[in-house]
Amino acid sequence: MNRTLTLVALSALAVGVAHAKKKAEEAPPPVGWHTVEATKKDPGWRGSCYNPPAWDKLPETDRRMARQQALAAMKAQWLGQREEFVSFSAIMVEDLETTLLGRPDKIEMVTAKNAEYCVQVMSQGADTEPWSTWLSGLPARLTAGECNNPLDYQLIQYLDVNRDWQEQVPFCKGNRALIEASESDQYRIVKGGEWINADGDPTQPATDPTLPCNFEGCFMGQLVGRFVTDEGVVTVFPIGVRKEFEAPENGTFSFMINDTTFYDNDWRSQGTITDHTAVTVSPAE
């Protein structure tokens, strides 16, 4: 081989080696636990990080299994079972695990971001606080807009005629509730006044703007409801002894009697028996 050909061959070999080295450096880290060992020029990582697979390249069955494996691996690290300096609140980890188990597809997004935080801590010696803060806020972010408290049970509570809004009953959007009050129990809202039940006093329409329910269909002393959406939109409506209500959004329901002064309200007593209105909230059929 002449000198020119030799130089060409060596040059090609050098280019090939450089290209291979560059490809190796750019190659994604292996799936699973990964670390960088120390060298003379590089102190290496002080711990390992879990790298997720290429999710969209996995068959569905393998993908589901890989999600569970990834969650188990991350949980072990979060609980301090791999490195002493990475140990987060067990309660926080349990809440996050519960959230992810109910939304397994979210595990994929979490693994990628979790790996980023881990690499910063392991390779750069970064503080674990930002990692912990991100994890603690995940349940709220992952469930944003969802409703975890549907009305699928019956609530029975006694009405308190000496206070304003009572109870905080969670509803999910679209929940239909049947709200009923015991019709035979009576009370009065003025000392020496008429005895009334949850329908209120039909001879006294509620027009005072200071009353919680002050439009057509509202009466003094009537059982009224309030629904507050998660965004803070308030709706007040008359109930009486029976009312069906459908939640327009996720939110909470409360009730009270339609009054502004409570000190002079009292229950009817007959001998040793004193009335107490029972309010029942249940799913409407």
C-alpha atoms as a PDB file:
ATOM      1  CA  MET A   1       0.000   0.000   0.000  1.00  0.00           C
ATOM      2  CA  ASN A   2       1.478   3.381  -0.957  1.00  0.00           C
ATOM      3  CA  ARG A   3       1.711   6.309   1.438  1.00  0.00           C
ATOM      4  CA  THR A   4      -1.348   8.094   0.014  1.00  0.00           C
ATOM      5  CA  LEU A   5      -3.587   5.075   0.403  1.00  0.00           C
ATOM      6  CA  THR A   6      -2.299   4.522   3.918  1.00  0.00           C
ATOM      7  CA  LEU A   7      -3.160   8.087   4.925  1.00  0.00           C
ATOM      8  CA  VAL A   8      -6.606   7.766   3.382  1.00  0.00           C
ATOM      9  CA  ALA A   9      -7.238   4.492   5.258  1.00  0.00           C
ATOM     10  CA  LEU A  10      -6.064   5.933   8.574  1.00  0.00           C
ATOM     11  CA  SER A  11      -8.176   9.026   8.041  1.00  0.00           C
ATOM     12  CA  ALA A  12     -11.250   6.933   7.330  1.00  0.00           C
ATOM     13  CA  LEU A  13     -10.556   4.814  10.386  1.00  0.00           C
ATOM     14  CA  ALA A  14     -10.253   7.913  12.564  1.00  0.00           C
ATOM     15  CA  VAL A  15     -13.506   9.303  11.191  1.00  0.00           C
ATOM     16  CA  GLY A  16     -15.214   5.974  11.814  1.00  0.00           C
ATOM     17  CA  VAL A  17     -13.959   5.795  15.404  1.00  0.00           C
ATOM     18  CA  ALA A  18     -15.025   9.381  16.076  1.00  0.00           C
ATOM     19  CA  HIS A  19     -18.433   8.740  14.564  1.00  0.00           C
ATOM     20  CA  ALA A  20     -18.890   5.582  16.639  1.00  0.00           C
ATOM     21  CA  LYS A  21     -17.833   7.438  19.785  1.00  0.00           C
ATOM     22  CA  LYS A  22     -20.276  10.249  19.049  1.00  0.00           C
ATOM     23  CA  LYS A  23     -23.100   7.759  18.451  1.00  0.00           C
ATOM     24  CA  ALA A  24     -22.274   6.010  21.715  1.00  0.00           C
ATOM     25  CA  GLU A  25     -22.366   9.318  23.571  1.00  0.00           C
ATOM     26  CA  GLU A  26     -25.691  10.268  21.975  1.00  0.00           C
ATOM     27  CA  ALA A  27     -27.292   6.862  22.519  1.00  0.00           C
ATOM     28  CA  PRO A  28     -30.046   6.872  25.126  1.00  0.00           C
ATOM     29  CA  PRO A  29     -29.156   5.337  28.479  1.00  0.00           C
ATOM     30  CA  PRO A  30     -30.257   1.754  29.012  1.00  0.00           C
ATOM     31  CA  VAL A  31     -33.689   1.011  30.410  1.00  0.00           C
ATOM     32  CA  GLY A  32     -33.712   0.523  34.155  1.00  0.00           C
ATOM     33  CA  TRP A  33     -31.240   1.668  36.773  1.00  0.00           C
ATOM     34  CA  HIS A  34     -28.333   3.637  35.317  1.00  0.00           C
ATOM     35  CA  THR A  35     -25.319   5.430  36.730  1.00  0.00           C
ATOM     36  CA  VAL A  36     -22.042   6.943  35.529  1.00  0.00           C
ATOM     37  CA  GLU A  37     -18.911   5.491  37.087  1.00  0.00           C
ATOM     38  CA  ALA A  38     -16.076   7.753  38.205  1.00  0.00           C
ATOM     39  CA  THR A  39     -13.029   8.237  35.972  1.00  0.00           C
ATOM     40  CA  LYS A  40      -9.857  10.296  36.236  1.00  0.00           C
ATOM     41  CA  LYS A  41     -11.629  13.216  34.566  1.00  0.00           C
ATOM     42  CA  ASP A  42     -15.177  12.674  35.784  1.00  0.00           C
ATOM     43  CA  PRO A  43     -16.212  12.188  39.442  1.00  0.00           C
ATOM     44  CA  GLY A  44     -19.185  10.175  38.239  1.00  0.00           C
ATOM     45  CA  TRP A  45     -22.638  10.090  39.798  1.00  0.00           C
ATOM     46  CA  ARG A  46     -23.297   9.677  43.486  1.00  0.00           C
ATOM     47  CA  GLY A  47     -26.290   7.429  42.858  1.00  0.00           C
ATOM     48  CA  SER A  48     -28.377   5.830  40.128  1.00  0.00           C
ATOM     49  CA  CYS A  49     -31.492   6.862  38.227  1.00  0.00           C
ATOM     50  CA  TYR A  50     -34.280   4.800  36.717  1.00  0.00           C
ATOM     51  CA  ASN A  51     -34.664   5.246  32.962  1.00  0.00           C
ATOM     52  CA  PRO A  52     -38.050   4.403  31.435  1.00  0.00           C
ATOM     53  CA  PRO A  53     -38.431   2.472  28.180  1.00  0.00           C
ATOM     54  CA  ALA A  54     -39.613   3.955  24.895  1.00  0.00           C
ATOM     55  CA  TRP A  55     -43.260   3.624  25.846  1.00  0.00           C
ATOM     56  CA  ASP A  56     -44.771   4.018  22.384  1.00  0.00           C
ATOM     57  CA  LYS A  57     -42.656   1.145  21.042  1.00  0.00           C
ATOM     58  CA  LEU A  58     -43.966  -1.409  23.533  1.00  0.00           C
ATOM     59  CA  PRO A  59     -46.905  -3.756  22.883  1.00  0.00           C
ATOM     60  CA  GLU A  60     -49.849  -2.871  25.105  1.00  0.00           C
ATOM     61  CA  THR A  61     -49.422  -5.854  27.444  1.00  0.00           C
ATOM     62  CA  ASP A  62     -45.714  -5.156  27.905  1.00  0.00           C
ATOM     63  CA  ARG A  63     -46.465  -1.472  28.312  1.00  0.00           C
ATOM     64  CA  ARG A  64     -48.825  -2.080  31.219  1.00  0.00           C
ATOM     65  CA  MET A  65     -46.314  -4.339  32.922  1.00  0.00           C
ATOM     66  CA  ALA A  66     -43.493  -1.824  32.385  1.00  0.00           C
ATOM     67  CA  ARG A  67     -45.580   0.912  34.022  1.00  0.00           C
ATOM     68  CA  GLN A  68     -45.947  -1.138  37.193  1.00  0.00           C
ATOM     69  CA  GLN A  69     -42.247  -1.992  37.204  1.00  0.00           C
ATOM     70  CA  ALA A  70     -41.318   1.672  36.753  1.00  0.00           C
ATOM     71  CA  LEU A  71     -43.637   2.784  39.563  1.00  0.00           C
ATOM     72  CA  ALA A  72     -42.222   0.150  41.928  1.00  0.00           C
ATOM     73  CA  ALA A  73     -38.672   1.235  41.073  1.00  0.00           C
ATOM     74  CA  MET A  74     -39.371   4.938  41.609  1.00  0.00           C
ATOM     75  CA  LYS A  75     -41.235   4.254  44.852  1.00  0.00           C
ATOM     76  CA  ALA A  76     -38.236   2.351  46.230  1.00  0.00           C
ATOM     77  CA  GLN A  77     -35.989   5.323  45.519  1.00  0.00           C
ATOM     78  CA  TRP A  78     -38.454   7.894  46.888  1.00  0.00           C
ATOM     79  CA  LEU A  79     -38.624   5.953  50.159  1.00  0.00           C
ATOM     80  CA  GLY A  80     -34.839   6.010  50.518  1.00  0.00           C
ATOM     81  CA  GLN A  81     -34.299   2.343  49.751  1.00  0.00           C
ATOM     82  CA  ARG A  82     -31.484   3.056  47.245  1.00  0.00           C
ATOM     83  CA  GLU A  83     -29.602   6.133  48.509  1.00  0.00           C
ATOM     84  CA  GLU A  84     -29.745   7.580  52.007  1.00  0.00           C
ATOM     85  CA  PHE A  85     -29.795  11.175  50.798  1.00  0.00           C
ATOM     86  CA  VAL A  86     -32.914  10.569  48.650  1.00  0.00           C
ATOM     87  CA  SER A  87     -35.716   9.910  51.106  1.00  0.00           C
ATOM     88  CA  PHE A  88     -39.096  11.617  50.878  1.00  0.00           C
ATOM     89  CA  SER A  89     -42.174  11.615  53.117  1.00  0.00           C
ATOM     90  CA  ALA A  90     -43.788   8.165  53.245  1.00  0.00           C
ATOM     91  CA  ILE A  91     -47.247   9.784  53.369  1.00  0.00           C
ATOM     92  CA  MET A  92     -46.465  11.845  50.275  1.00  0.00           C
ATOM     93  CA  VAL A  93     -45.199   8.767  48.434  1.00  0.00           C
ATOM     94  CA  GLU A  94     -48.296   6.778  49.418  1.00  0.00           C
ATOM     95  CA  ASP A  95     -50.618   9.549  48.162  1.00  0.00           C
ATOM     96  CA  LEU A  96     -48.734   9.757  44.881  1.00  0.00           C
ATOM     97  CA  GLU A  97     -48.722   5.986  44.423  1.00  0.00           C
ATOM     98  CA  THR A  98     -52.490   5.847  45.023  1.00  0.00           C
ATOM     99  CA  THR A  99     -53.026   8.591  42.449  1.00  0.00           C
ATOM    100  CA  LEU A 100     -50.871   6.839  39.844  1.00  0.00           C
ATOM    101  CA  LEU A 101     -52.383   3.401  40.427  1.00  0.00           C
ATOM    102  CA  GLY A 102     -55.745   4.886  39.519  1.00  0.00           C
ATOM    103  CA  ARG A 103     -54.280   6.575  36.424  1.00  0.00           C
ATOM    104  CA  PRO A 104     -51.592   4.181  35.147  1.00  0.00           C
ATOM    105  CA  ASP A 105     -51.122   6.050  31.865  1.00  0.00           C
ATOM    106  CA  LYS A 106     -49.813   9.028  33.881  1.00  0.00           C
ATOM    107  CA  ILE A 107     -46.890   6.878  35.072  1.00  0.00           C
ATOM    108  CA  GLU A 108     -45.232   7.331  31.687  1.00  0.00           C
ATOM    109  CA  MET A 109     -45.057  11.115  31.991  1.00  0.00           C
ATOM    110  CA  VAL A 110     -43.929  10.922  35.604  1.00  0.00           C
ATOM    111  CA  THR A 111     -41.034   8.561  34.830  1.00  0.00           C
ATOM    112  CA  ALA A 112     -39.532  10.939  32.269  1.00  0.00           C
ATOM    113  CA  LYS A 113     -39.669  14.018  34.514  1.00  0.00           C
ATOM    114  CA  ASN A 114     -38.583  12.021  37.541  1.00  0.00           C
ATOM    115  CA  ALA A 115     -35.480  10.889  35.670  1.00  0.00           C
ATOM    116  CA  GLU A 116     -34.623  14.534  34.921  1.00  0.00           C
ATOM    117  CA  TYR A 117     -34.761  15.504  38.599  1.00  0.00           C
ATOM    118  CA  CYS A 118     -32.792  12.400  39.531  1.00  0.00           C
ATOM    119  CA  VAL A 119     -30.002  13.142  37.053  1.00  0.00           C
ATOM    120  CA  GLN A 120     -29.651  16.684  38.437  1.00  0.00           C
ATOM    121  CA  VAL A 121     -29.229  15.292  41.943  1.00  0.00           C
ATOM    122  CA  MET A 122     -26.938  12.419  41.016  1.00  0.00           C
ATOM    123  CA  SER A 123     -24.699  14.117  38.448  1.00  0.00           C
ATOM    124  CA  GLN A 124     -24.660  17.727  39.628  1.00  0.00           C
ATOM    125  CA  GLY A 125     -25.027  17.289  43.373  1.00  0.00           C
ATOM    126  CA  ALA A 126     -28.244  19.331  43.310  1.00  0.00           C
ATOM    127  CA  ASP A 127     -30.472  19.633  46.374  1.00  0.00           C
ATOM    128  CA  THR A 128     -33.337  17.111  46.568  1.00  0.00           C
ATOM    129  CA  GLU A 129     -35.848  19.778  47.693  1.00  0.00           C
ATOM    130  CA  PRO A 130     -37.033  20.765  44.165  1.00  0.00           C
ATOM    131  CA  TRP A 131     -37.512  17.065  43.396  1.00  0.00           C
ATOM    132  CA  SER A 132     -39.556  16.588  46.571  1.00  0.00           C
ATOM    133  CA  THR A 133     -41.630  19.714  45.892  1.00  0.00           C
ATOM    134  CA  TRP A 134     -42.459  18.511  42.392  1.00  0.00           C
ATOM    135  CA  LEU A 135     -43.503  15.082  43.670  1.00  0.00           C
ATOM    136  CA  SER A 136     -45.697  16.507  46.452  1.00  0.00           C
ATOM    137  CA  GLY A 137     -47.659  18.613  43.962  1.00  0.00           C
ATOM    138  CA  LEU A 138     -48.233  15.787  41.482  1.00  0.00           C
ATOM    139  CA  PRO A 139     -51.492  14.349  42.920  1.00  0.00           C
ATOM    140  CA  ALA A 140     -53.257  17.707  42.591  1.00  0.00           C
ATOM    141  CA  ARG A 141     -51.911  18.304  39.078  1.00  0.00           C
ATOM    142  CA  LEU A 142     -52.676  14.785  37.873  1.00  0.00           C
ATOM    143  CA  THR A 143     -56.268  14.930  39.148  1.00  0.00           C
ATOM    144  CA  ALA A 144     -57.007  18.537  38.113  1.00  0.00           C
ATOM    145  CA  GLY A 145     -60.566  18.766  36.815  1.00  0.00           C
ATOM    146  CA  GLU A 146     -61.468  15.314  38.092  1.00  0.00           C
ATOM    147  CA  CYS A 147     -63.995  14.599  40.809  1.00  0.00           C
ATOM    148  CA  ASN A 148     -63.059  12.046  43.429  1.00  0.00           C
ATOM    149  CA  ASN A 149     -66.175  12.378  45.596  1.00  0.00           C
ATOM    150  CA  PRO A 150     -69.309  11.439  43.645  1.00  0.00           C
ATOM    151  CA  LEU A 151     -72.640  11.408  45.444  1.00  0.00           C
ATOM    152  CA  ASP A 152     -73.067   7.628  45.638  1.00  0.00           C
ATOM    153  CA  TYR A 153     -74.272   7.438  49.239  1.00  0.00           C
ATOM    154  CA  GLN A 154     -77.045   8.794  51.468  1.00  0.00           C
ATOM    155  CA  LEU A 155     -76.428  11.541  54.005  1.00  0.00           C
ATOM    156  CA  ILE A 156     -78.860  12.216  56.886  1.00  0.00           C
ATOM    157  CA  GLN A 157     -78.246  15.267  59.049  1.00  0.00           C
ATOM    158  CA  TYR A 158     -80.385  17.268  61.444  1.00  0.00           C
ATOM    159  CA  LEU A 159     -81.091  20.850  60.501  1.00  0.00           C
ATOM    160  CA  ASP A 160     -79.661  23.500  62.815  1.00  0.00           C
ATOM    161  CA  VAL A 161     -82.010  26.515  62.883  1.00  0.00           C
ATOM    162  CA  ASN A 162     -79.554  28.584  64.930  1.00  0.00           C
ATOM    163  CA  ARG A 163     -76.758  28.908  62.379  1.00  0.00           C
ATOM    164  CA  ASP A 164     -76.104  29.664  58.726  1.00  0.00           C
ATOM    165  CA  TRP A 165     -74.704  27.271  56.117  1.00  0.00           C
ATOM    166  CA  GLN A 166     -74.070  23.787  57.407  1.00  0.00           C
ATOM    167  CA  GLU A 167     -72.473  20.670  55.908  1.00  0.00           C
ATOM    168  CA  GLN A 168     -70.099  20.495  52.950  1.00  0.00           C
ATOM    169  CA  VAL A 169     -71.402  17.658  50.782  1.00  0.00           C
ATOM    170  CA  PRO A 170     -69.212  17.011  47.710  1.00  0.00           C
ATOM    171  CA  PHE A 171     -70.916  16.522  44.347  1.00  0.00           C
ATOM    172  CA  CYS A 172     -69.422  15.642  40.984  1.00  0.00           C
ATOM    173  CA  LYS A 173     -70.602  17.286  37.789  1.00  0.00           C
ATOM    174  CA  GLY A 174     -73.833  15.658  36.661  1.00  0.00           C
ATOM    175  CA  ASN A 175     -74.664  14.110  40.043  1.00  0.00           C
ATOM    176  CA  ARG A 176     -78.421  14.272  40.589  1.00  0.00           C
ATOM    177  CA  ALA A 177     -79.393  14.621  44.236  1.00  0.00           C
ATOM    178  CA  LEU A 178     -82.734  14.200  45.968  1.00  0.00           C
ATOM    179  CA  ILE A 179     -82.853  16.555  48.960  1.00  0.00           C
ATOM    180  CA  GLU A 180     -85.671  15.905  51.436  1.00  0.00           C
ATOM    181  CA  ALA A 181     -86.630  17.349  54.833  1.00  0.00           C
ATOM    182  CA  SER A 182     -88.963  15.736  57.360  1.00  0.00           C
ATOM    183  CA  GLU A 183     -92.312  17.446  56.816  1.00  0.00           C
ATOM    184  CA  SER A 184     -93.852  16.985  60.272  1.00  0.00           C
ATOM    185  CA  ASP A 185     -91.043  18.693  62.244  1.00  0.00           C
ATOM    186  CA  GLN A 186     -91.650  22.380  62.924  1.00  0.00           C
ATOM    187  CA  TYR A 187     -89.773  25.456  64.142  1.00  0.00           C
ATOM    188  CA  ARG A 188     -90.274  29.200  64.224  1.00  0.00           C
ATOM    189  CA  ILE A 189     -87.984  32.039  63.227  1.00  0.00           C
ATOM    190  CA  VAL A 190     -89.573  34.771  65.334  1.00  0.00           C
ATOM    191  CA  LYS A 191     -90.292  34.540  69.051  1.00  0.00           C
ATOM    192  CA  GLY A 192     -94.032  33.915  69.393  1.00  0.00           C
ATOM    193  CA  GLY A 193     -94.347  33.523  65.616  1.00  0.00           C
ATOM    194  CA  GLU A 194     -96.030  30.849  63.533  1.00  0.00           C
ATOM    195  CA  TRP A 195     -94.740  27.294  63.538  1.00  0.00           C
ATOM    196  CA  ILE A 196     -93.461  26.330  60.099  1.00  0.00           C
ATOM    197  CA  ASN A 197     -91.735  23.384  58.497  1.00  0.00           C
ATOM    198  CA  ALA A 198     -88.979  23.265  55.848  1.00  0.00           C
ATOM    199  CA  ASP A 199     -91.325  24.804  53.269  1.00  0.00           C
ATOM    200  CA  GLY A 200     -91.063  28.064  55.209  1.00  0.00           C
ATOM    201  CA  ASP A 201     -93.834  30.598  55.664  1.00  0.00           C
ATOM    202  CA  PRO A 202     -95.785  30.745  52.379  1.00  0.00           C
ATOM    203  CA  THR A 203     -97.330  34.070  53.457  1.00  0.00           C
ATOM    204  CA  GLN A 204     -93.907  35.732  53.594  1.00  0.00           C
ATOM    205  CA  PRO A 205     -92.074  35.801  50.257  1.00  0.00           C
ATOM    206  CA  ALA A 206     -88.373  36.473  50.827  1.00  0.00           C
ATOM    207  CA  THR A 207     -87.491  39.788  49.204  1.00  0.00           C
ATOM    208  CA  ASP A 208     -84.911  41.194  51.641  1.00  0.00           C
ATOM    209  CA  PRO A 209     -81.610  41.338  49.674  1.00  0.00           C
ATOM    210  CA  THR A 210     -79.690  40.340  52.804  1.00  0.00           C
ATOM    211  CA  LEU A 211     -81.392  36.932  52.838  1.00  0.00           C
ATOM    212  CA  PRO A 212     -79.472  34.075  51.213  1.00  0.00           C
ATOM    213  CA  CYS A 213     -82.495  33.221  49.016  1.00  0.00           C
ATOM    214  CA  ASN A 214     -84.340  36.396  47.977  1.00  0.00           C
ATOM    215  CA  PHE A 215     -85.987  35.796  44.601  1.00  0.00           C
ATOM    216  CA  GLU A 216     -89.235  34.281  43.380  1.00  0.00           C
ATOM    217  CA  GLY A 217     -89.908  30.913  44.998  1.00  0.00           C
ATOM    218  CA  CYS A 218     -88.016  31.759  48.196  1.00  0.00           C
ATOM    219  CA  PHE A 219     -89.878  32.147  51.512  1.00  0.00           C
ATOM    220  CA  MET A 220     -88.892  33.180  55.007  1.00  0.00           C
ATOM    221  CA  GLY A 221     -87.665  30.261  57.129  1.00  0.00           C
ATOM    222  CA  GLN A 222     -87.563  27.906  54.158  1.00  0.00           C
ATOM    223  CA  LEU A 223     -84.883  25.240  53.797  1.00  0.00           C
ATOM    224  CA  VAL A 224     -82.554  26.551  51.092  1.00  0.00           C
ATOM    225  CA  GLY A 225     -79.434  25.163  49.452  1.00  0.00           C
ATOM    226  CA  ARG A 226     -76.138  26.544  48.224  1.00  0.00           C
ATOM    227  CA  PHE A 227     -73.851  24.969  45.652  1.00  0.00           C
ATOM    228  CA  VAL A 228     -70.293  26.239  45.247  1.00  0.00           C
ATOM    229  CA  THR A 229     -68.286  24.952  42.284  1.00  0.00           C
ATOM    230  CA  ASP A 230     -64.583  24.196  42.596  1.00  0.00           C
ATOM    231  CA  GLU A 231     -63.986  27.461  40.721  1.00  0.00           C
ATOM    232  CA  GLY A 232     -65.991  29.415  43.321  1.00  0.00           C
ATOM    233  CA  VAL A 233     -69.249  30.025  41.414  1.00  0.00           C
ATOM    234  CA  VAL A 234     -72.104  30.181  43.951  1.00  0.00           C
ATOM    235  CA  THR A 235     -75.718  29.159  43.301  1.00  0.00           C
ATOM    236  CA  VAL A 236     -78.437  29.498  45.967  1.00  0.00           C
ATOM    237  CA  PHE A 237     -81.816  27.809  45.469  1.00  0.00           C
ATOM    238  CA  PRO A 238     -85.002  27.020  47.463  1.00  0.00           C
ATOM    239  CA  ILE A 239     -85.477  23.439  48.662  1.00  0.00           C
ATOM    240  CA  GLY A 240     -88.483  23.192  50.988  1.00  0.00           C
ATOM    241  CA  VAL A 241     -89.422  19.647  51.978  1.00  0.00           C
ATOM    242  CA  ARG A 242     -88.277  18.139  48.667  1.00  0.00           C
ATOM    243  CA  LYS A 243     -86.063  19.165  45.792  1.00  0.00           C
ATOM    244  CA  GLU A 244     -84.083  17.471  43.035  1.00  0.00           C
ATOM    245  CA  PHE A 245     -80.824  19.140  42.115  1.00  0.00           C
ATOM    246  CA  GLU A 246     -78.235  18.378  39.437  1.00  0.00           C
ATOM    247  CA  ALA A 247     -74.667  19.590  39.954  1.00  0.00           C
ATOM    248  CA  PRO A 248     -73.585  21.801  37.016  1.00  0.00           C
ATOM    249  CA  GLU A 249     -69.902  21.281  37.896  1.00  0.00           C
ATOM    250  CA  ASN A 250     -67.797  19.618  40.580  1.00  0.00           C
ATOM    251  CA  GLY A 251     -68.403  21.340  43.904  1.00  0.00           C
ATOM    252  CA  THR A 252     -69.987  21.236  47.363  1.00  0.00           C
ATOM    253  CA  PHE A 253     -73.553  21.517  48.639  1.00  0.00           C
ATOM    254  CA  SER A 254     -74.663  23.156  51.916  1.00  0.00           C
ATOM    255  CA  PHE A 255     -78.049  24.030  53.443  1.00  0.00           C
ATOM    256  CA  MET A 256     -79.660  26.342  56.007  1.00  0.00           C
ATOM    257  CA  ILE A 257     -82.987  28.022  56.749  1.00  0.00           C
ATOM    258  CA  ASN A 258     -83.730  31.257  54.921  1.00  0.00           C
ATOM    259  CA  ASP A 259     -83.076  33.737  57.706  1.00  0.00           C
ATOM    260  CA  THR A 260     -80.551  36.352  58.797  1.00  0.00           C
ATOM    261  CA  THR A 261     -81.089  36.295  62.565  1.00  0.00           C
ATOM    262  CA  PHE A 262     -80.866  33.029  64.444  1.00  0.00           C
ATOM    263  CA  TYR A 263     -80.931  33.937  68.156  1.00  0.00           C
ATOM    264  CA  ASP A 264     -84.753  33.851  68.387  1.00  0.00           C
ATOM    265  CA  ASN A 265     -85.307  30.621  66.431  1.00  0.00           C
ATOM    266  CA  ASP A 266     -86.530  27.563  68.303  1.00  0.00           C
ATOM    267  CA  TRP A 267     -88.033  24.119  67.840  1.00  0.00           C
ATOM    268  CA  ARG A 268     -91.580  23.100  68.663  1.00  0.00           C
ATOM    269  CA  SER A 269     -91.867  20.987  71.799  1.00  0.00           C
ATOM    270  CA  GLN A 270     -94.817  18.756  72.674  1.00  0.00           C
ATOM    271  CA  GLY A 271     -94.483  17.363  76.152  1.00  0.00           C
ATOM    272  CA  THR A 272     -91.103  15.706  76.378  1.00  0.00           C
ATOM    273  CA  ILE A 273     -90.668  15.527  72.607  1.00  0.00           C
ATOM    274  CA  THR A 274     -88.873  18.308  70.729  1.00  0.00           C
ATOM    275  CA  ASP A 275     -88.989  18.430  66.935  1.00  0.00           C
ATOM    276  CA  HIS A 276     -85.797  18.257  64.865  1.00  0.00           C
ATOM    277  CA  THR A 277     -85.951  18.387  61.066  1.00  0.00           C
ATOM    278  CA  ALA A 278     -83.963  15.615  59.402  1.00  0.00           C
ATOM    279  CA  VAL A 279     -82.402  16.535  56.046  1.00  0.00           C
ATOM    280  CA  THR A 280     -81.623  13.630  53.711  1.00  0.00           C
ATOM    281  CA  VAL A 281     -79.367  13.956  50.670  1.00  0.00           C
ATOM    282  CA  SER A 282     -79.255  10.923  48.398  1.00  0.00           C
ATOM    283  CA  PRO A 283     -78.693  10.051  44.727  1.00  0.00           C
ATOM    284  CA  ALA A 284     -81.807  10.714  42.652  1.00  0.00           C
ATOM    285  CA  GLU A 285     -83.043   7.663  40.741  1.00  0.00           C
END
